[in-house]
Amino acid sequence: MKKSDISNKSQTDWERLDAMKDEDINLSDCSEVTPEMFASGVVRRGLKFNPKSF
């Protein structure tokens, strides 16, 4: 792939997203996050992925 094939310009319509209200967001296909899911979560910042830790 050539470097010219990649664009740094975002294709996100930020104006449309900024105008959206919370009620406009469809979350019907997202599962609910439970407190247990948060408790078992692992935050990793700046670390390389280590598949042996799973």
Protein backbone atom coordinates (compact mmCIF):
# COMPACT_ATOMS: atom_id res chain seq x y z
CA MET A 1 0.00 0.00 0.00
CA LYS A 2 1.29 3.41 -0.89
CA LYS A 3 1.34 6.21 1.64
CA SER A 4 -0.85 8.25 -0.73
CA ASP A 5 -3.57 5.58 -0.38
CA ILE A 6 -4.13 6.57 3.25
CA SER A 7 -6.02 9.74 4.15
CA ASN A 8 -5.55 11.60 7.43
CA LYS A 9 -8.86 13.40 6.93
CA SER A 10 -11.67 12.16 9.13
CA GLN A 11 -14.83 11.01 7.36
CA THR A 12 -16.87 11.54 10.52
CA ASP A 13 -19.68 14.09 10.30
CA TRP A 14 -18.81 15.88 13.56
CA GLU A 15 -21.48 18.56 13.12
CA ARG A 16 -24.20 15.90 12.90
CA LEU A 17 -22.82 14.10 15.95
CA ASP A 18 -22.60 17.31 17.96
CA ALA A 19 -26.24 18.05 17.12
CA MET A 20 -27.43 14.63 18.32
CA LYS A 21 -29.16 14.23 21.66
CA ASP A 22 -28.76 11.18 23.87
CA GLU A 23 -32.28 10.06 22.91
CA ASP A 24 -31.21 9.96 19.24
CA ILE A 25 -28.61 7.25 19.84
CA ASN A 26 -29.83 3.73 19.09
CA LEU A 27 -28.37 1.32 21.63
CA SER A 28 -30.68 -1.59 20.83
CA ASP A 29 -27.85 -3.80 19.55
CA CYS A 30 -25.54 -3.11 22.52
CA SER A 31 -25.60 -5.38 25.53
CA GLU A 32 -25.97 -3.78 28.94
CA VAL A 33 -22.74 -3.37 30.89
CA THR A 34 -23.08 -4.73 34.40
CA PRO A 35 -21.07 -3.78 37.52
CA GLU A 36 -19.50 -7.25 37.38
CA MET A 37 -18.19 -6.51 33.90
CA PHE A 38 -16.55 -3.30 35.14
CA ALA A 39 -15.07 -5.10 38.13
CA SER A 40 -13.42 -7.71 35.89
CA GLY A 41 -12.09 -5.14 33.44
CA VAL A 42 -8.38 -4.44 33.05
CA VAL A 43 -7.06 -1.01 32.13
CA ARG A 44 -3.81 -0.99 30.23
CA ARG A 45 -2.14 2.21 29.13
CA GLY A 46 1.06 2.27 27.19
CA LEU A 47 1.64 -1.45 27.65
CA LYS A 48 2.10 -3.93 24.88
CA PHE A 49 -0.53 -6.65 24.61
CA ASN A 50 0.48 -9.84 26.40
CA PRO A 51 -1.71 -12.79 25.32
CA LYS A 52 -0.24 -14.92 28.14
CA SER A 53 -2.05 -12.77 30.70
CA PHE A 54 -5.43 -14.12 29.57
